[in-house]
Amino acid sequence: MRVMTLKGRDFISLHDWSRDELAEVLELAQWQKARLKAGIRDEPLKGKQLGMYFAKPSTRTRLSFEVGIRQLGGQGLFLSAQDLQVRRGESIADTARVMSRYLDGIMIRTFSHQEVVELAEWATIPVINGLTDEEHPCQVVADLLTILERFGRLEGLKLAYVGDGNNMAHSLMDGGAKFGMHVVVASPEGYKPDPARVLRAQMTAAQHGGKVEVVTDPVVAVSGAHVVYTDVWASMGQEDEAEKRKAAFAGYQVTAELMRHAAPEAIFMHCLPAHRGEEVAAEVIDGPQSAVFDEAENRLHAQKAIMTLTMA
């Protein structure tokens, strides 16, 4: 298949990529997934090296990137925070320039979004954002791929996100806005998405025939939704706020009753890991409407497409 020339591009935020460029990622992901399922092995990254820097641990991010780069013919090098000199005071600028001499691409999963921005500023190879406290773009590409597989389209669909206005909410607003979706985030006061990011996503949505809203009532958000999405109430690094957050989000659990307000064909999504009995009821995440493990699998295919387009 024909692909755009995106070699050397960083993948830090969905906001940075155009709708056509993101559509190219989705198209390539679908094509590569079909080829893999058919037993056809393509190796566009044969001989390439991906450095995988994990300041935050992960199950899906590590597995999907490490397996993905191998399937593409390359090799992934796992680097924990303990493996690098950043913890001992070496600058991000120096780290980026050194890594650029050895590698063909860098995936970074960390706390500070600015750390990723700075790494990309100094690196001369593509930098892929595997997650920060502000954004989770790779996850949302996998989410969009999953929704596309289920509904055959993205434009005009309603996605309701219920819970903490965190990195997932930010990236879902960006991704949904690019494809003309109606994204509604329901969060309690004090836990809403960053207002600047909401405004940015609303401006993007207006350009693409979509809509982005923030409300406090989960029923309002979920009513008629094709996709109902949630995430943990306390993200990594917020463990000391867990009890306070449980109280704040008490009315924001995705239950079977809440799902009944969605469209009959609605699917439930969660980026995982999930806490059954907190942000989602077990009967929902383990029920027939759940698409969470399709999502998890699609991390592999989405990220393979991103790596192919930026590193090949």
C-alpha atoms as a PDB file:
ATOM      1  CA  MET A   1       0.000   0.000   0.000  1.00  0.00           C
ATOM      2  CA  ARG A   2       1.088   3.612  -0.549  1.00  0.00           C
ATOM      3  CA  VAL A   3       2.034   5.545   2.579  1.00  0.00           C
ATOM      4  CA  MET A   4       2.784   9.182   3.294  1.00  0.00           C
ATOM      5  CA  THR A   5       6.325  10.347   3.831  1.00  0.00           C
ATOM      6  CA  LEU A   6       6.372  10.769   7.600  1.00  0.00           C
ATOM      7  CA  LYS A   7       9.859   9.458   8.249  1.00  0.00           C
ATOM      8  CA  GLY A   8      11.619  11.300  11.033  1.00  0.00           C
ATOM      9  CA  ARG A   9       8.427  12.749  12.530  1.00  0.00           C
ATOM     10  CA  ASP A  10       7.939  12.746  16.288  1.00  0.00           C
ATOM     11  CA  PHE A  11       4.705  11.296  17.655  1.00  0.00           C
ATOM     12  CA  ILE A  12       4.174  13.282  20.839  1.00  0.00           C
ATOM     13  CA  SER A  13       0.579  14.462  20.622  1.00  0.00           C
ATOM     14  CA  LEU A  14      -2.373  13.689  18.358  1.00  0.00           C
ATOM     15  CA  HIS A  15      -2.813  17.454  18.094  1.00  0.00           C
ATOM     16  CA  ASP A  16       0.475  17.668  16.169  1.00  0.00           C
ATOM     17  CA  TRP A  17      -0.679  15.327  13.384  1.00  0.00           C
ATOM     18  CA  SER A  18      -3.298  16.196  10.780  1.00  0.00           C
ATOM     19  CA  ARG A  19      -6.456  14.207  10.230  1.00  0.00           C
ATOM     20  CA  ASP A  20      -5.040  12.835   6.970  1.00  0.00           C
ATOM     21  CA  GLU A  21      -1.821  11.773   8.685  1.00  0.00           C
ATOM     22  CA  LEU A  22      -3.709  10.022  11.491  1.00  0.00           C
ATOM     23  CA  ALA A  23      -5.981   8.377   8.922  1.00  0.00           C
ATOM     24  CA  GLU A  24      -2.825   7.069   7.243  1.00  0.00           C
ATOM     25  CA  VAL A  25      -1.752   5.524  10.566  1.00  0.00           C
ATOM     26  CA  LEU A  26      -5.128   3.812  10.941  1.00  0.00           C
ATOM     27  CA  GLU A  27      -5.130   2.555   7.353  1.00  0.00           C
ATOM     28  CA  LEU A  28      -1.616   1.142   7.689  1.00  0.00           C
ATOM     29  CA  ALA A  29      -2.485  -0.439  11.051  1.00  0.00           C
ATOM     30  CA  GLN A  30      -5.475  -2.202   9.495  1.00  0.00           C
ATOM     31  CA  TRP A  31      -3.355  -3.401   6.564  1.00  0.00           C
ATOM     32  CA  GLN A  32      -0.510  -4.641   8.767  1.00  0.00           C
ATOM     33  CA  LYS A  33      -2.949  -6.352  11.129  1.00  0.00           C
ATOM     34  CA  ALA A  34      -4.612  -8.183   8.249  1.00  0.00           C
ATOM     35  CA  ARG A  35      -1.225  -9.242   6.862  1.00  0.00           C
ATOM     36  CA  LEU A  36      -0.150 -10.548  10.265  1.00  0.00           C
ATOM     37  CA  LYS A  37      -3.397 -12.495  10.715  1.00  0.00           C
ATOM     38  CA  ALA A  38      -2.836 -14.005   7.252  1.00  0.00           C
ATOM     39  CA  GLY A  39       0.607 -15.207   8.295  1.00  0.00           C
ATOM     40  CA  ILE A  40       2.470 -12.742   6.068  1.00  0.00           C
ATOM     41  CA  ARG A  41       5.623 -11.291   7.620  1.00  0.00           C
ATOM     42  CA  ASP A  42       6.738  -7.829   6.575  1.00  0.00           C
ATOM     43  CA  GLU A  43       9.958  -6.326   7.921  1.00  0.00           C
ATOM     44  CA  PRO A  44      10.090  -2.629   6.984  1.00  0.00           C
ATOM     45  CA  LEU A  45      12.260  -1.926  10.043  1.00  0.00           C
ATOM     46  CA  LYS A  46      14.770  -4.714   9.498  1.00  0.00           C
ATOM     47  CA  GLY A  47      17.993  -3.827  11.303  1.00  0.00           C
ATOM     48  CA  LYS A  48      16.461  -0.818  13.094  1.00  0.00           C
ATOM     49  CA  GLN A  49      16.902  -0.240  16.830  1.00  0.00           C
ATOM     50  CA  LEU A  50      14.204   1.231  19.096  1.00  0.00           C
ATOM     51  CA  GLY A  51      15.220   2.494  22.539  1.00  0.00           C
ATOM     52  CA  MET A  52      12.336   2.046  24.997  1.00  0.00           C
ATOM     53  CA  TYR A  53      12.760   4.304  28.021  1.00  0.00           C
ATOM     54  CA  PHE A  54      10.394   3.493  30.894  1.00  0.00           C
ATOM     55  CA  ALA A  55      10.290   5.907  33.811  1.00  0.00           C
ATOM     56  CA  LYS A  56       6.796   4.474  34.429  1.00  0.00           C
ATOM     57  CA  PRO A  57       6.337   0.683  34.309  1.00  0.00           C
ATOM     58  CA  SER A  58       3.760  -0.872  32.005  1.00  0.00           C
ATOM     59  CA  THR A  59       2.310  -4.169  30.796  1.00  0.00           C
ATOM     60  CA  ARG A  60       0.722  -3.209  27.469  1.00  0.00           C
ATOM     61  CA  THR A  61       3.193  -0.509  26.429  1.00  0.00           C
ATOM     62  CA  ARG A  62       6.221  -2.722  26.921  1.00  0.00           C
ATOM     63  CA  LEU A  63       4.713  -5.827  25.337  1.00  0.00           C
ATOM     64  CA  SER A  64       3.215  -4.013  22.354  1.00  0.00           C
ATOM     65  CA  PHE A  65       6.320  -2.017  21.489  1.00  0.00           C
ATOM     66  CA  GLU A  66       8.769  -4.860  22.079  1.00  0.00           C
ATOM     67  CA  VAL A  67       6.729  -7.419  20.143  1.00  0.00           C
ATOM     68  CA  GLY A  68       5.859  -4.824  17.502  1.00  0.00           C
ATOM     69  CA  ILE A  69       9.425  -3.793  16.691  1.00  0.00           C
ATOM     70  CA  ARG A  70      10.438  -7.475  16.449  1.00  0.00           C
ATOM     71  CA  GLN A  71       7.560  -8.244  14.078  1.00  0.00           C
ATOM     72  CA  LEU A  72       8.732  -5.327  11.929  1.00  0.00           C
ATOM     73  CA  GLY A  73      12.230  -6.821  11.762  1.00  0.00           C
ATOM     74  CA  GLY A  74      13.892  -4.510  14.273  1.00  0.00           C
ATOM     75  CA  GLN A  75      14.991  -4.771  17.869  1.00  0.00           C
ATOM     76  CA  GLY A  76      13.800  -3.053  21.025  1.00  0.00           C
ATOM     77  CA  LEU A  77      16.108  -2.170  23.889  1.00  0.00           C
ATOM     78  CA  PHE A  78      14.379  -1.825  27.266  1.00  0.00           C
ATOM     79  CA  LEU A  79      15.791   1.021  29.357  1.00  0.00           C
ATOM     80  CA  SER A  80      14.465   1.676  32.850  1.00  0.00           C
ATOM     81  CA  ALA A  81      15.078   4.890  34.752  1.00  0.00           C
ATOM     82  CA  GLN A  82      17.783   3.028  36.658  1.00  0.00           C
ATOM     83  CA  ASP A  83      19.572   2.207  33.410  1.00  0.00           C
ATOM     84  CA  LEU A  84      20.137   5.810  32.370  1.00  0.00           C
ATOM     85  CA  GLN A  85      22.171   8.627  33.866  1.00  0.00           C
ATOM     86  CA  VAL A  86      19.184  11.001  33.872  1.00  0.00           C
ATOM     87  CA  ARG A  87      18.482   9.973  37.462  1.00  0.00           C
ATOM     88  CA  ARG A  88      22.016  11.012  38.359  1.00  0.00           C
ATOM     89  CA  GLY A  89      21.791  14.447  36.804  1.00  0.00           C
ATOM     90  CA  GLU A  90      22.611  14.018  33.109  1.00  0.00           C
ATOM     91  CA  SER A  91      20.527  16.427  31.098  1.00  0.00           C
ATOM     92  CA  ILE A  92      17.731  15.356  28.777  1.00  0.00           C
ATOM     93  CA  ALA A  93      19.541  17.224  25.989  1.00  0.00           C
ATOM     94  CA  ASP A  94      22.716  15.173  26.408  1.00  0.00           C
ATOM     95  CA  THR A  95      20.733  11.952  26.787  1.00  0.00           C
ATOM     96  CA  ALA A  96      18.823  12.678  23.574  1.00  0.00           C
ATOM     97  CA  ARG A  97      21.981  13.400  21.594  1.00  0.00           C
ATOM     98  CA  VAL A  98      23.720  10.261  22.836  1.00  0.00           C
ATOM     99  CA  MET A  99      20.692   8.036  22.147  1.00  0.00           C
ATOM    100  CA  SER A 100      20.457   9.512  18.652  1.00  0.00           C
ATOM    101  CA  ARG A 101      23.958   8.193  17.860  1.00  0.00           C
ATOM    102  CA  TYR A 102      23.001   4.594  18.710  1.00  0.00           C
ATOM    103  CA  LEU A 103      19.308   4.223  17.872  1.00  0.00           C
ATOM    104  CA  ASP A 104      16.801   4.745  15.068  1.00  0.00           C
ATOM    105  CA  GLY A 105      13.908   5.739  17.303  1.00  0.00           C
ATOM    106  CA  ILE A 106      12.995   6.374  20.935  1.00  0.00           C
ATOM    107  CA  MET A 107       9.816   5.445  22.776  1.00  0.00           C
ATOM    108  CA  ILE A 108       9.473   7.166  26.140  1.00  0.00           C
ATOM    109  CA  ARG A 109       6.903   6.482  28.875  1.00  0.00           C
ATOM    110  CA  THR A 110       7.296   8.947  31.704  1.00  0.00           C
ATOM    111  CA  PHE A 111       5.598  11.370  34.078  1.00  0.00           C
ATOM    112  CA  SER A 112       6.438  14.837  32.746  1.00  0.00           C
ATOM    113  CA  HIS A 113       5.126  15.744  29.302  1.00  0.00           C
ATOM    114  CA  GLN A 114       7.802  18.428  29.074  1.00  0.00           C
ATOM    115  CA  GLU A 115      10.455  15.716  29.362  1.00  0.00           C
ATOM    116  CA  VAL A 116       9.162  14.160  26.134  1.00  0.00           C
ATOM    117  CA  VAL A 117       9.010  17.535  24.407  1.00  0.00           C
ATOM    118  CA  GLU A 118      12.578  18.307  25.435  1.00  0.00           C
ATOM    119  CA  LEU A 119      13.810  14.860  24.407  1.00  0.00           C
ATOM    120  CA  ALA A 120      12.293  15.340  20.950  1.00  0.00           C
ATOM    121  CA  GLU A 121      13.745  18.837  20.686  1.00  0.00           C
ATOM    122  CA  TRP A 122      17.302  17.522  21.071  1.00  0.00           C
ATOM    123  CA  ALA A 123      17.024  14.086  19.447  1.00  0.00           C
ATOM    124  CA  THR A 124      17.771  13.708  15.751  1.00  0.00           C
ATOM    125  CA  ILE A 125      15.657  10.529  15.541  1.00  0.00           C
ATOM    126  CA  PRO A 126      11.878  10.093  15.972  1.00  0.00           C
ATOM    127  CA  VAL A 127      10.508  10.235  19.520  1.00  0.00           C
ATOM    128  CA  ILE A 128       7.248   8.395  20.291  1.00  0.00           C
ATOM    129  CA  ASN A 129       5.230   9.318  23.355  1.00  0.00           C
ATOM    130  CA  GLY A 130       4.326   6.089  25.147  1.00  0.00           C
ATOM    131  CA  LEU A 131       2.500   8.035  27.881  1.00  0.00           C
ATOM    132  CA  THR A 132       2.897  11.144  30.005  1.00  0.00           C
ATOM    133  CA  ASP A 133       0.781  12.625  32.780  1.00  0.00           C
ATOM    134  CA  GLU A 134      -0.832  14.884  30.167  1.00  0.00           C
ATOM    135  CA  GLU A 135      -1.323  12.672  27.094  1.00  0.00           C
ATOM    136  CA  HIS A 136      -1.568   9.055  25.936  1.00  0.00           C
ATOM    137  CA  PRO A 137      -1.626   9.308  22.123  1.00  0.00           C
ATOM    138  CA  CYS A 138      -0.644   5.731  21.235  1.00  0.00           C
ATOM    139  CA  GLN A 139      -3.516   4.383  23.306  1.00  0.00           C
ATOM    140  CA  VAL A 140      -5.997   6.615  21.511  1.00  0.00           C
ATOM    141  CA  VAL A 141      -4.781   5.518  18.072  1.00  0.00           C
ATOM    142  CA  ALA A 142      -5.493   1.950  19.220  1.00  0.00           C
ATOM    143  CA  ASP A 143      -8.881   3.116  20.522  1.00  0.00           C
ATOM    144  CA  LEU A 144      -9.776   4.785  17.222  1.00  0.00           C
ATOM    145  CA  LEU A 145      -8.723   1.628  15.379  1.00  0.00           C
ATOM    146  CA  THR A 146     -10.992  -0.439  17.632  1.00  0.00           C
ATOM    147  CA  ILE A 147     -13.949   1.892  17.134  1.00  0.00           C
ATOM    148  CA  LEU A 148     -13.374   1.906  13.373  1.00  0.00           C
ATOM    149  CA  GLU A 149     -13.383  -1.898  13.340  1.00  0.00           C
ATOM    150  CA  ARG A 150     -16.648  -2.026  15.284  1.00  0.00           C
ATOM    151  CA  PHE A 151     -18.611   0.723  13.519  1.00  0.00           C
ATOM    152  CA  GLY A 152     -16.895   1.119  10.154  1.00  0.00           C
ATOM    153  CA  ARG A 153     -16.555   4.864  10.685  1.00  0.00           C
ATOM    154  CA  LEU A 154     -15.516   7.488  13.215  1.00  0.00           C
ATOM    155  CA  GLU A 155     -17.179  10.679  12.010  1.00  0.00           C
ATOM    156  CA  GLY A 156     -20.491  11.409  13.705  1.00  0.00           C
ATOM    157  CA  LEU A 157     -20.084   8.860  16.491  1.00  0.00           C
ATOM    158  CA  LYS A 158     -20.550   9.920  20.110  1.00  0.00           C
ATOM    159  CA  LEU A 159     -17.870   8.965  22.632  1.00  0.00           C
ATOM    160  CA  ALA A 160     -18.596   9.485  26.329  1.00  0.00           C
ATOM    161  CA  TYR A 161     -15.663   9.493  28.722  1.00  0.00           C
ATOM    162  CA  VAL A 162     -16.677   9.122  32.375  1.00  0.00           C
ATOM    163  CA  GLY A 163     -14.185   9.802  35.158  1.00  0.00           C
ATOM    164  CA  ASP A 164     -10.947  11.653  35.804  1.00  0.00           C
ATOM    165  CA  GLY A 165     -10.091  14.398  33.306  1.00  0.00           C
ATOM    166  CA  ASN A 166      -6.602  12.952  32.906  1.00  0.00           C
ATOM    167  CA  ASN A 167      -4.208  12.124  30.063  1.00  0.00           C
ATOM    168  CA  MET A 168      -6.742   9.733  28.537  1.00  0.00           C
ATOM    169  CA  ALA A 169      -9.431  12.408  28.489  1.00  0.00           C
ATOM    170  CA  HIS A 170      -7.017  14.868  26.866  1.00  0.00           C
ATOM    171  CA  SER A 171      -5.940  12.495  24.089  1.00  0.00           C
ATOM    172  CA  LEU A 172      -9.467  11.198  23.466  1.00  0.00           C
ATOM    173  CA  MET A 173     -10.633  14.789  22.985  1.00  0.00           C
ATOM    174  CA  ASP A 174      -7.786  15.425  20.538  1.00  0.00           C
ATOM    175  CA  GLY A 175      -8.322  12.201  18.601  1.00  0.00           C
ATOM    176  CA  GLY A 176     -12.102  12.409  18.512  1.00  0.00           C
ATOM    177  CA  ALA A 177     -11.974  16.044  17.419  1.00  0.00           C
ATOM    178  CA  LYS A 178      -9.675  15.254  14.481  1.00  0.00           C
ATOM    179  CA  PHE A 179     -12.196  12.712  13.136  1.00  0.00           C
ATOM    180  CA  GLY A 180     -15.394  14.685  13.629  1.00  0.00           C
ATOM    181  CA  MET A 181     -16.643  12.740  16.629  1.00  0.00           C
ATOM    182  CA  HIS A 182     -18.828  14.075  19.436  1.00  0.00           C
ATOM    183  CA  VAL A 183     -16.727  13.676  22.586  1.00  0.00           C
ATOM    184  CA  VAL A 184     -18.336  14.335  25.961  1.00  0.00           C
ATOM    185  CA  VAL A 185     -16.258  14.150  29.147  1.00  0.00           C
ATOM    186  CA  ALA A 186     -18.119  13.748  32.457  1.00  0.00           C
ATOM    187  CA  SER A 187     -15.967  14.587  35.477  1.00  0.00           C
ATOM    188  CA  PRO A 188     -16.690  15.921  38.960  1.00  0.00           C
ATOM    189  CA  GLU A 189     -15.709  19.455  39.884  1.00  0.00           C
ATOM    190  CA  GLY A 190     -12.007  19.652  40.615  1.00  0.00           C
ATOM    191  CA  TYR A 191     -11.189  16.729  38.311  1.00  0.00           C
ATOM    192  CA  LYS A 192     -12.172  18.092  34.913  1.00  0.00           C
ATOM    193  CA  PRO A 193      -9.750  18.101  31.953  1.00  0.00           C
ATOM    194  CA  ASP A 194      -7.323  20.989  31.528  1.00  0.00           C
ATOM    195  CA  PRO A 195      -9.450  23.931  30.247  1.00  0.00           C
ATOM    196  CA  ALA A 196      -6.766  24.956  27.742  1.00  0.00           C
ATOM    197  CA  ARG A 197      -6.764  21.471  26.251  1.00  0.00           C
ATOM    198  CA  VAL A 198     -10.557  21.444  26.142  1.00  0.00           C
ATOM    199  CA  LEU A 199     -10.577  24.729  24.224  1.00  0.00           C
ATOM    200  CA  ARG A 200      -7.891  23.451  21.846  1.00  0.00           C
ATOM    201  CA  ALA A 201      -9.889  20.284  21.152  1.00  0.00           C
ATOM    202  CA  GLN A 202     -13.098  22.294  20.658  1.00  0.00           C
ATOM    203  CA  MET A 203     -11.373  24.434  18.046  1.00  0.00           C
ATOM    204  CA  THR A 204     -10.095  21.309  16.281  1.00  0.00           C
ATOM    205  CA  ALA A 205     -13.559  19.714  16.412  1.00  0.00           C
ATOM    206  CA  ALA A 206     -15.123  22.806  14.845  1.00  0.00           C
ATOM    207  CA  GLN A 207     -12.757  22.429  11.880  1.00  0.00           C
ATOM    208  CA  HIS A 208     -13.726  18.786  11.339  1.00  0.00           C
ATOM    209  CA  GLY A 209     -17.466  18.766  12.023  1.00  0.00           C
ATOM    210  CA  GLY A 210     -17.186  17.354  15.532  1.00  0.00           C
ATOM    211  CA  LYS A 211     -17.968  18.550  19.026  1.00  0.00           C
ATOM    212  CA  VAL A 212     -16.223  18.448  22.410  1.00  0.00           C
ATOM    213  CA  GLU A 213     -18.056  19.053  25.684  1.00  0.00           C
ATOM    214  CA  VAL A 214     -17.327  18.752  29.400  1.00  0.00           C
ATOM    215  CA  VAL A 215     -20.177  18.039  31.826  1.00  0.00           C
ATOM    216  CA  THR A 216     -20.572  16.792  35.384  1.00  0.00           C
ATOM    217  CA  ASP A 217     -23.485  14.382  34.860  1.00  0.00           C
ATOM    218  CA  PRO A 218     -22.478  10.889  33.599  1.00  0.00           C
ATOM    219  CA  VAL A 219     -26.018  10.190  32.358  1.00  0.00           C
ATOM    220  CA  VAL A 220     -25.941  13.299  30.164  1.00  0.00           C
ATOM    221  CA  ALA A 221     -22.593  12.223  28.754  1.00  0.00           C
ATOM    222  CA  VAL A 222     -23.560   8.609  28.097  1.00  0.00           C
ATOM    223  CA  SER A 223     -27.023   9.249  26.634  1.00  0.00           C
ATOM    224  CA  GLY A 224     -27.016   7.952  23.066  1.00  0.00           C
ATOM    225  CA  ALA A 225     -23.264   7.304  23.089  1.00  0.00           C
ATOM    226  CA  HIS A 226     -21.749   4.714  20.767  1.00  0.00           C
ATOM    227  CA  VAL A 227     -18.645   4.393  22.952  1.00  0.00           C
ATOM    228  CA  VAL A 228     -18.517   4.581  26.751  1.00  0.00           C
ATOM    229  CA  TYR A 229     -14.966   4.968  28.053  1.00  0.00           C
ATOM    230  CA  THR A 230     -13.440   5.167  31.519  1.00  0.00           C
ATOM    231  CA  ASP A 231     -10.087   4.974  33.280  1.00  0.00           C
ATOM    232  CA  VAL A 232      -8.813   4.401  36.807  1.00  0.00           C
ATOM    233  CA  TRP A 233      -9.678   7.087  39.333  1.00  0.00           C
ATOM    234  CA  ALA A 234      -6.127   7.313  40.702  1.00  0.00           C
ATOM    235  CA  SER A 235      -3.379   7.119  38.085  1.00  0.00           C
ATOM    236  CA  MET A 236       0.210   6.075  38.684  1.00  0.00           C
ATOM    237  CA  GLY A 237       1.809   8.578  41.044  1.00  0.00           C
ATOM    238  CA  GLN A 238      -1.536   9.498  42.653  1.00  0.00           C
ATOM    239  CA  GLU A 239      -1.731   6.566  45.060  1.00  0.00           C
ATOM    240  CA  ASP A 240      -1.738   8.860  48.092  1.00  0.00           C
ATOM    241  CA  GLU A 241      -4.951  10.460  46.777  1.00  0.00           C
ATOM    242  CA  ALA A 242      -6.764   7.146  46.269  1.00  0.00           C
ATOM    243  CA  GLU A 243      -9.266   7.413  49.139  1.00  0.00           C
ATOM    244  CA  LYS A 244     -10.049  11.066  48.420  1.00  0.00           C
ATOM    245  CA  ARG A 245     -10.597  10.229  44.771  1.00  0.00           C
ATOM    246  CA  LYS A 246     -12.876   7.276  45.570  1.00  0.00           C
ATOM    247  CA  ALA A 247     -15.155   9.673  47.417  1.00  0.00           C
ATOM    248  CA  ALA A 248     -15.063  12.268  44.616  1.00  0.00           C
ATOM    249  CA  PHE A 249     -15.824   9.702  41.890  1.00  0.00           C
ATOM    250  CA  ALA A 250     -18.419   7.683  43.821  1.00  0.00           C
ATOM    251  CA  GLY A 251     -21.158   8.543  41.317  1.00  0.00           C
ATOM    252  CA  TYR A 252     -18.989   7.968  38.248  1.00  0.00           C
ATOM    253  CA  GLN A 253     -18.774   4.178  38.088  1.00  0.00           C
ATOM    254  CA  VAL A 254     -19.741   2.733  34.708  1.00  0.00           C
ATOM    255  CA  THR A 255     -22.484   0.281  35.632  1.00  0.00           C
ATOM    256  CA  ALA A 256     -24.945  -1.752  33.603  1.00  0.00           C
ATOM    257  CA  GLU A 257     -27.573   0.832  34.539  1.00  0.00           C
ATOM    258  CA  LEU A 258     -25.443   3.661  33.144  1.00  0.00           C
ATOM    259  CA  MET A 259     -24.743   1.662  29.975  1.00  0.00           C
ATOM    260  CA  ARG A 260     -28.499   1.393  29.358  1.00  0.00           C
ATOM    261  CA  HIS A 261     -28.491   5.124  28.583  1.00  0.00           C
ATOM    262  CA  ALA A 262     -26.044   4.559  25.713  1.00  0.00           C
ATOM    263  CA  ALA A 263     -26.984   3.484  22.178  1.00  0.00           C
ATOM    264  CA  PRO A 264     -28.103  -0.173  21.937  1.00  0.00           C
ATOM    265  CA  GLU A 265     -24.993  -1.039  19.911  1.00  0.00           C
ATOM    266  CA  ALA A 266     -22.639   0.806  22.288  1.00  0.00           C
ATOM    267  CA  ILE A 267     -19.298  -0.649  23.294  1.00  0.00           C
ATOM    268  CA  PHE A 268     -17.399  -0.209  26.552  1.00  0.00           C
ATOM    269  CA  MET A 269     -13.720   0.745  26.475  1.00  0.00           C
ATOM    270  CA  HIS A 270     -10.964   1.063  29.074  1.00  0.00           C
ATOM    271  CA  CYS A 271      -7.232   1.546  28.527  1.00  0.00           C
ATOM    272  CA  LEU A 272      -6.412  -0.897  31.381  1.00  0.00           C
ATOM    273  CA  PRO A 273      -5.392  -1.796  34.010  1.00  0.00           C
ATOM    274  CA  ALA A 274      -8.917  -1.731  35.462  1.00  0.00           C
ATOM    275  CA  HIS A 275     -10.201  -1.844  39.016  1.00  0.00           C
ATOM    276  CA  ARG A 276     -13.472  -3.785  38.937  1.00  0.00           C
ATOM    277  CA  GLY A 277     -15.917  -2.417  41.451  1.00  0.00           C
ATOM    278  CA  GLU A 278     -14.402   1.069  41.301  1.00  0.00           C
ATOM    279  CA  GLU A 279     -14.505   2.900  37.949  1.00  0.00           C
ATOM    280  CA  VAL A 280     -16.341   0.026  36.239  1.00  0.00           C
ATOM    281  CA  ALA A 281     -18.604  -2.805  37.322  1.00  0.00           C
ATOM    282  CA  ALA A 282     -17.366  -6.319  36.604  1.00  0.00           C
ATOM    283  CA  GLU A 283     -20.549  -7.134  34.652  1.00  0.00           C
ATOM    284  CA  VAL A 284     -19.738  -4.308  32.225  1.00  0.00           C
ATOM    285  CA  ILE A 285     -16.026  -4.857  31.619  1.00  0.00           C
ATOM    286  CA  ASP A 286     -16.529  -8.625  31.418  1.00  0.00           C
ATOM    287  CA  GLY A 287     -19.830  -8.378  29.550  1.00  0.00           C
ATOM    288  CA  PRO A 288     -20.776  -8.621  25.858  1.00  0.00           C
ATOM    289  CA  GLN A 289     -20.395  -4.884  25.174  1.00  0.00           C
ATOM    290  CA  SER A 290     -16.781  -4.783  26.355  1.00  0.00           C
ATOM    291  CA  ALA A 291     -14.084  -4.157  23.760  1.00  0.00           C
ATOM    292  CA  VAL A 292     -11.197  -3.772  26.204  1.00  0.00           C
ATOM    293  CA  PHE A 293      -9.126  -6.705  25.000  1.00  0.00           C
ATOM    294  CA  ASP A 294      -9.578  -5.761  21.352  1.00  0.00           C
ATOM    295  CA  GLU A 295      -8.248  -2.352  22.410  1.00  0.00           C
ATOM    296  CA  ALA A 296      -5.298  -3.946  24.168  1.00  0.00           C
ATOM    297  CA  GLU A 297      -4.428  -6.015  21.101  1.00  0.00           C
ATOM    298  CA  ASN A 298      -4.742  -2.992  18.856  1.00  0.00           C
ATOM    299  CA  ARG A 299      -1.971  -1.231  20.773  1.00  0.00           C
ATOM    300  CA  LEU A 300       0.347  -3.617  18.900  1.00  0.00           C
ATOM    301  CA  HIS A 301      -1.046  -2.794  15.464  1.00  0.00           C
ATOM    302  CA  ALA A 302      -1.410   0.955  16.031  1.00  0.00           C
ATOM    303  CA  GLN A 303       2.148   1.302  17.294  1.00  0.00           C
ATOM    304  CA  LYS A 304       3.575  -0.837  14.510  1.00  0.00           C
ATOM    305  CA  ALA A 305       2.015   1.594  12.052  1.00  0.00           C
ATOM    306  CA  ILE A 306       3.438   4.601  13.934  1.00  0.00           C
ATOM    307  CA  MET A 307       6.914   3.043  14.048  1.00  0.00           C
ATOM    308  CA  THR A 308       6.782   2.094  10.361  1.00  0.00           C
ATOM    309  CA  LEU A 309       5.761   5.562   9.244  1.00  0.00           C
ATOM    310  CA  THR A 310       8.291   7.415  11.393  1.00  0.00           C
ATOM    311  CA  MET A 311      11.275   5.030  11.330  1.00  0.00           C
ATOM    312  CA  ALA A 312      11.235   3.148   8.014  1.00  0.00           C
END
